Protein backbone atom coordinates (compact mmCIF):
# COMPACT_ATOMS: atom_id res chain seq x y z
CA MET A 1 -2.87 -1.53 -22.15
CA ARG A 2 -4.35 -0.75 -18.78
CA PHE A 3 -2.91 -2.14 -15.55
CA ALA A 4 -4.40 -2.24 -12.06
CA ALA A 5 -1.95 -1.16 -9.37
CA ARG A 6 -2.15 -1.59 -5.63
CA VAL A 7 0.37 0.18 -3.43
CA GLU A 8 0.70 -0.70 0.26
CA VAL A 9 2.47 1.97 2.31
CA ARG A 10 3.86 1.09 5.75
CA LEU A 11 6.12 2.71 8.27
CA ARG A 12 9.66 1.37 8.12
CA PRO A 13 10.78 -1.00 10.88
CA GLY A 14 11.97 0.96 13.90
CA ILE A 15 9.65 3.92 13.22
CA ALA A 16 7.08 4.39 16.01
CA ASP A 17 3.56 3.46 14.94
CA PRO A 18 1.11 5.08 17.39
CA GLU A 19 -1.93 3.97 15.38
CA GLY A 20 -0.81 0.35 15.38
CA ALA A 21 -0.01 0.54 19.11
CA THR A 22 -3.48 1.94 19.88
CA ILE A 23 -5.13 -0.86 17.92
CA GLU A 24 -2.98 -3.48 19.66
CA ARG A 25 -3.92 -2.11 23.11
CA ALA A 26 -7.64 -2.16 22.20
CA LEU A 27 -7.74 -5.74 20.91
CA PRO A 28 -7.89 -7.55 24.30
CA ALA A 29 -10.86 -5.40 25.39
CA LEU A 30 -12.66 -6.63 22.27
CA GLY A 31 -11.89 -10.26 23.04
CA PHE A 32 -8.93 -10.68 20.69
CA GLU A 33 -6.08 -12.15 22.74
CA GLY A 34 -2.63 -13.13 21.49
CA VAL A 35 -2.31 -10.49 18.75
CA HIS A 36 1.08 -8.77 18.67
CA ASP A 37 3.16 -6.35 16.62
CA VAL A 38 0.24 -4.52 15.00
CA ARG A 39 1.39 -2.05 12.34
CA ALA A 40 -0.94 0.32 10.52
CA GLY A 41 -0.59 1.32 6.91
CA ARG A 42 -2.42 2.67 3.88
CA SER A 43 -3.53 1.03 0.65
CA PHE A 44 -3.94 2.81 -2.66
CA ARG A 45 -5.50 1.39 -5.82
CA PHE A 46 -5.42 2.95 -9.27
CA GLU A 47 -5.18 2.04 -12.93
CA VAL A 48 -2.46 3.17 -15.27
CA ASP A 49 -2.26 3.09 -19.06
CA ALA A 50 1.09 1.89 -20.42
CA ALA A 51 2.54 0.15 -23.45
CA ASP A 52 3.64 -2.87 -21.38
CA GLU A 53 3.97 -4.16 -17.82
CA GLN A 54 7.50 -2.82 -17.40
CA GLU A 55 6.41 0.74 -18.21
CA ALA A 56 3.32 0.41 -16.01
CA ARG A 57 5.48 -0.82 -13.12
CA ARG A 58 7.91 2.08 -13.60
CA ARG A 59 5.12 4.67 -13.69
CA ALA A 60 3.21 3.23 -10.73
CA GLY A 61 6.45 2.92 -8.74
CA GLU A 62 7.27 6.55 -9.40
CA ILE A 63 3.78 7.58 -8.23
CA ALA A 64 4.29 5.56 -5.05
CA HIS A 65 7.74 7.01 -4.41
CA ARG A 66 7.02 10.65 -5.26
CA LEU A 67 3.45 11.04 -3.99
CA LEU A 68 2.02 8.19 -1.91
CA ALA A 69 4.88 7.34 0.46
CA ASN A 70 7.38 9.39 2.42
CA PRO A 71 10.58 7.48 1.56
CA VAL A 72 12.32 8.79 4.69
CA ILE A 73 10.01 6.88 7.07
CA GLU A 74 7.85 4.63 4.88
CA ASP A 75 8.24 1.65 2.57
CA SER A 76 5.90 0.88 -0.30
CA VAL A 77 5.05 -2.41 -1.96
CA LEU A 78 3.60 -2.40 -5.48
CA GLU A 79 1.38 -5.11 -6.92
CA LEU A 80 0.47 -4.85 -10.59
CA GLU A 81 -1.77 -6.90 -12.89
CA PRO A 82 -3.58 -6.38 -16.17
CA ALA A 83 -6.84 -4.51 -15.54
CA GLY A 84 -10.04 -6.37 -16.19
CA PRO A 85 -12.58 -5.12 -18.67
CA GLY A 86 -13.86 -1.74 -17.60
CA GLU A 87 -16.40 0.69 -18.87
CA PRO A 88 -16.01 1.72 -22.49
CA ASP A 89 -14.21 5.02 -23.03
């Protein structure tokens, strides 16, 4: 089976986020008042072949932990669902 994975990577609470701070400072100049605590992050999407959802979750989680996120300063959140019909192989 093929599963669609989305991994959101964010800085852990307490870690300075200069990109988020820059965005937050720019918002009032663009007419967006009352927006606070902006945090930046990254989103990754990929598909993984696996026998079942548990294996797909394990494999995608390992990819997130070993490659996509720095576990010292970042957290990752994995969302997984069966992939829709794609192009034929």
